[in-house]
């Protein structure tokens, strides 16, 4: 595993985008619980940006442990762009 990054991972999709794309209608407490489980499993990174936390999927770790899962969830998208600020 590489060095820990101090900024947002540009190769990693934002977890909120994944939640949005799945359309599961999950409550905030449910999402928070799952974010914690994924973070503890080493599958996401959390960054503080101002007053919010940004959760990013660690794409390589996810692909190593669950090959093809992100592609299946995202409908074949090879990459998700982070939403622009503003």
Protein backbone atom coordinates (compact mmCIF):
# COMPACT_ATOMS: atom_id res chain seq x y z
CA UNK A 1 0.00 0.00 0.00
CA UNK A 2 1.28 3.48 -0.86
CA UNK A 3 1.90 6.45 1.37
CA UNK A 4 -1.05 8.09 3.04
CA UNK A 5 -2.21 11.08 1.07
CA UNK A 6 -2.85 14.38 2.84
CA UNK A 7 -5.35 15.60 0.26
CA UNK A 8 -8.30 14.24 -1.71
CA UNK A 9 -7.56 11.22 -3.86
CA UNK A 10 -8.22 12.23 -7.45
CA UNK A 11 -8.44 8.62 -8.65
CA UNK A 12 -11.12 7.77 -6.10
CA UNK A 13 -14.82 8.37 -6.53
CA UNK A 14 -16.57 10.32 -3.80
CA UNK A 15 -18.56 7.88 -1.68
CA UNK A 16 -21.54 10.26 -1.73
CA UNK A 17 -21.63 9.91 -5.52
CA UNK A 18 -21.78 6.13 -5.15
CA UNK A 19 -24.63 6.40 -2.62
CA UNK A 20 -26.48 8.80 -4.92
CA UNK A 21 -26.02 6.60 -7.99
CA UNK A 22 -27.34 3.47 -6.27
CA UNK A 23 -30.63 5.23 -5.44
CA UNK A 24 -31.21 3.17 -2.29
CA UNK A 25 -32.77 6.02 -0.29
CA UNK A 26 -30.63 5.36 2.79
CA UNK A 27 -31.02 7.47 5.95
CA UNK A 28 -28.09 9.57 7.23
CA UNK A 29 -27.50 7.33 10.30
CA UNK A 30 -27.40 4.26 8.04
CA UNK A 31 -24.95 5.93 5.66
CA UNK A 32 -22.76 7.06 8.59
CA UNK A 33 -22.70 3.53 9.98
CA UNK A 34 -21.65 2.07 6.64
CA UNK A 35 -19.01 4.77 6.13
CA UNK A 36 -17.51 3.79 9.50
CA UNK A 37 -17.50 0.09 8.59
CA UNK A 38 -15.87 0.81 5.22
CA UNK A 39 -13.29 3.17 6.81
CA UNK A 40 -12.38 0.58 9.48
CA UNK A 41 -12.00 -2.04 6.72
CA UNK A 42 -9.55 0.26 4.89
CA UNK A 43 -11.81 0.72 1.87
CA UNK A 44 -12.40 4.47 2.22
CA UNK A 45 -10.52 7.60 3.26
CA UNK A 46 -12.08 10.57 5.02
CA UNK A 47 -10.79 14.12 4.52
CA UNK A 48 -11.83 17.27 6.31
CA UNK A 49 -12.61 20.15 3.96
CA UNK A 50 -13.71 23.20 5.92
CA UNK A 51 -16.77 22.21 7.93
CA UNK A 52 -17.51 18.98 6.09
CA UNK A 53 -15.98 15.55 5.76
CA UNK A 54 -15.40 14.04 2.34
CA UNK A 55 -15.36 10.26 2.10
CA UNK A 56 -13.49 8.77 -0.85
CA UNK A 57 -13.36 5.17 -1.99
CA UNK A 58 -9.87 3.69 -2.03
CA UNK A 59 -10.31 2.33 -5.53
CA UNK A 60 -7.28 0.03 -5.63
CA UNK A 61 -8.03 -1.52 -2.23
CA UNK A 62 -11.67 -2.02 -3.24
CA UNK A 63 -10.68 -3.59 -6.56
CA UNK A 64 -8.11 -5.86 -4.87
CA UNK A 65 -10.64 -7.18 -2.37
CA UNK A 66 -13.80 -7.08 -4.50
CA UNK A 67 -12.81 -7.24 -8.18
CA UNK A 68 -15.41 -5.68 -10.48
CA UNK A 69 -17.72 -4.46 -7.71
CA UNK A 70 -17.36 -0.73 -8.38
CA UNK A 71 -17.80 -1.26 -12.10
CA UNK A 72 -20.95 -3.28 -11.45
CA UNK A 73 -22.39 -0.63 -9.13
CA UNK A 74 -21.50 2.26 -11.40
CA UNK A 75 -22.77 0.65 -14.58
CA UNK A 76 -19.39 0.37 -16.29
CA UNK A 77 -18.16 3.90 -15.59
CA UNK A 78 -14.40 3.74 -15.50
CA UNK A 79 -14.14 6.85 -13.35
CA UNK A 80 -16.37 9.25 -11.48
CA UNK A 81 -15.45 12.90 -11.43
CA UNK A 82 -15.80 14.74 -8.15
CA UNK A 83 -18.49 17.41 -8.24
CA UNK A 84 -17.10 20.87 -8.89
CA UNK A 85 -16.96 23.28 -5.99
CA UNK A 86 -19.43 26.09 -6.03
